[in-house]
């Protein structure tokens, strides 16, 4: 499995939000990665209100 083509900033944000190492984020199945990004985005929008 190839690492995802995401920016370092995105990988760091995901790793921090999920509490996992960046390496694990980069090798996470794509459908799981997308779901986690959606969850984080929803949480960010909720905090802004």
N, C-alpha and C. Protein backbone atom coordinates (compact mmCIF):
# COMPACT_ATOMS: atom_id res chain seq x y z
N UNK A 1 0.84 -1.18 0.00
CA UNK A 1 0.00 0.00 0.00
C UNK A 1 0.89 1.24 0.00
N UNK A 2 0.62 2.16 -0.92
CA UNK A 2 1.38 3.41 -1.01
C UNK A 2 0.92 4.40 0.06
N UNK A 3 1.83 5.24 0.55
CA UNK A 3 1.41 6.31 1.45
C UNK A 3 0.47 7.28 0.72
N UNK A 4 -0.40 7.93 1.45
CA UNK A 4 -1.34 8.89 0.87
C UNK A 4 -0.62 10.13 0.39
N UNK A 5 -1.19 10.77 -0.60
CA UNK A 5 -0.63 12.01 -1.14
C UNK A 5 -1.32 13.20 -0.47
N UNK A 6 -1.03 13.37 0.82
CA UNK A 6 -1.58 14.50 1.57
C UNK A 6 -0.42 15.34 2.08
N UNK A 7 -0.72 16.59 2.40
CA UNK A 7 0.34 17.47 2.87
C UNK A 7 0.78 17.08 4.28
N UNK A 8 1.98 17.51 4.63
CA UNK A 8 2.51 17.26 5.96
C UNK A 8 1.61 17.91 7.01
N UNK A 9 1.13 19.11 6.71
CA UNK A 9 0.25 19.82 7.64
C UNK A 9 -1.03 19.01 7.92
N UNK A 10 -1.62 18.46 6.88
CA UNK A 10 -2.82 17.65 7.04
C UNK A 10 -2.52 16.39 7.84
N UNK A 11 -1.40 15.75 7.53
CA UNK A 11 -1.02 14.54 8.26
C UNK A 11 -0.78 14.84 9.74
N UNK A 12 -0.13 15.96 10.02
CA UNK A 12 0.12 16.34 11.41
C UNK A 12 -1.18 16.64 12.15
N UNK A 13 -2.08 17.34 11.48
CA UNK A 13 -3.38 17.67 12.09
C UNK A 13 -4.16 16.40 12.40
N UNK A 14 -4.18 15.48 11.46
CA UNK A 14 -4.87 14.20 11.66
C UNK A 14 -4.24 13.40 12.79
N UNK A 15 -2.92 13.32 12.79
CA UNK A 15 -2.22 12.56 13.82
C UNK A 15 -2.53 13.14 15.20
N UNK A 16 -2.51 14.46 15.31
CA UNK A 16 -2.79 15.10 16.60
C UNK A 16 -4.25 14.86 17.01
N UNK A 17 -5.17 15.04 16.08
CA UNK A 17 -6.59 14.88 16.38
C UNK A 17 -6.95 13.44 16.75
N UNK A 18 -6.28 12.48 16.11
CA UNK A 18 -6.58 11.08 16.35
C UNK A 18 -5.71 10.46 17.44
N UNK A 19 -4.63 11.17 17.81
CA UNK A 19 -3.74 10.65 18.84
C UNK A 19 -2.93 9.45 18.38
N UNK A 20 -2.54 9.48 17.10
CA UNK A 20 -1.76 8.36 16.54
C UNK A 20 -0.54 8.93 15.82
N UNK A 21 0.49 8.11 15.58
CA UNK A 21 1.68 8.59 14.87
C UNK A 21 1.37 8.94 13.40
N UNK A 22 2.15 9.86 12.86
CA UNK A 22 1.97 10.28 11.46
C UNK A 22 2.10 9.09 10.51
N UNK A 23 3.02 8.18 10.81
CA UNK A 23 3.22 7.02 9.96
C UNK A 23 1.95 6.19 9.83
N UNK A 24 1.22 6.08 10.93
CA UNK A 24 -0.03 5.32 10.91
C UNK A 24 -1.08 6.03 10.07
N UNK A 25 -1.12 7.36 10.14
CA UNK A 25 -2.06 8.14 9.33
C UNK A 25 -1.76 7.92 7.85
N UNK A 26 -0.49 7.94 7.49
CA UNK A 26 -0.10 7.83 6.08
C UNK A 26 -0.41 6.46 5.49
N UNK A 27 -0.53 5.44 6.30
CA UNK A 27 -0.79 4.10 5.79
C UNK A 27 -2.18 3.59 6.14
N UNK A 28 -3.02 4.47 6.64
CA UNK A 28 -4.41 4.14 6.97
C UNK A 28 -5.19 3.92 5.66
N UNK A 29 -6.13 2.98 5.62
CA UNK A 29 -6.94 2.81 4.40
C UNK A 29 -7.62 4.13 4.01
N UNK A 30 -7.69 4.40 2.73
CA UNK A 30 -8.19 5.68 2.25
C UNK A 30 -9.61 5.99 2.73
N UNK A 31 -10.50 5.00 2.73
CA UNK A 31 -11.87 5.27 3.14
C UNK A 31 -11.93 5.66 4.62
N UNK A 32 -11.05 5.11 5.45
CA UNK A 32 -11.00 5.46 6.86
C UNK A 32 -10.45 6.88 7.02
N UNK A 33 -9.41 7.19 6.25
CA UNK A 33 -8.81 8.52 6.29
C UNK A 33 -9.83 9.60 5.93
N UNK A 34 -10.59 9.37 4.88
CA UNK A 34 -11.60 10.33 4.45
C UNK A 34 -12.66 10.51 5.52
N UNK A 35 -13.10 9.42 6.13
CA UNK A 35 -14.10 9.49 7.19
C UNK A 35 -13.59 10.30 8.37
N UNK A 36 -12.33 10.09 8.75
CA UNK A 36 -11.74 10.82 9.87
C UNK A 36 -11.62 12.31 9.55
N UNK A 37 -11.26 12.63 8.30
CA UNK A 37 -11.19 14.03 7.89
C UNK A 37 -12.55 14.71 8.01
N UNK A 38 -13.59 14.01 7.59
CA UNK A 38 -14.95 14.55 7.68
C UNK A 38 -15.34 14.78 9.14
N UNK A 39 -15.04 13.82 10.01
CA UNK A 39 -15.35 13.96 11.43
C UNK A 39 -14.63 15.15 12.06
N UNK A 40 -13.36 15.33 11.73
CA UNK A 40 -12.59 16.44 12.27
C UNK A 40 -13.13 17.77 11.76
N UNK A 41 -13.48 17.83 10.48
CA UNK A 41 -14.03 19.05 9.91
C UNK A 41 -15.35 19.43 10.59
N UNK A 42 -16.20 18.45 10.82
CA UNK A 42 -17.48 18.70 11.50
C UNK A 42 -17.24 19.22 12.92
N UNK A 43 -16.27 18.64 13.62
CA UNK A 43 -15.95 19.07 14.98
C UNK A 43 -15.41 20.50 14.98
N UNK A 44 -14.57 20.83 13.99
CA UNK A 44 -14.02 22.19 13.88
C UNK A 44 -15.13 23.21 13.65
N UNK A 45 -16.06 22.89 12.77
CA UNK A 45 -17.16 23.80 12.48
C UNK A 45 -18.06 23.97 13.70
N UNK A 46 -18.26 22.90 14.44
CA UNK A 46 -19.11 22.94 15.63
C UNK A 46 -18.46 23.85 16.70
N UNK A 47 -17.14 23.79 16.85
CA UNK A 47 -16.43 24.60 17.83
C UNK A 47 -16.48 26.09 17.47
N UNK A 48 -16.55 26.41 16.18
CA UNK A 48 -16.57 27.80 15.74
C UNK A 48 -17.89 28.49 16.10
N UNK A 49 -18.93 27.75 16.26
CA UNK A 49 -20.26 28.34 16.52
C UNK A 49 -20.40 28.77 17.92
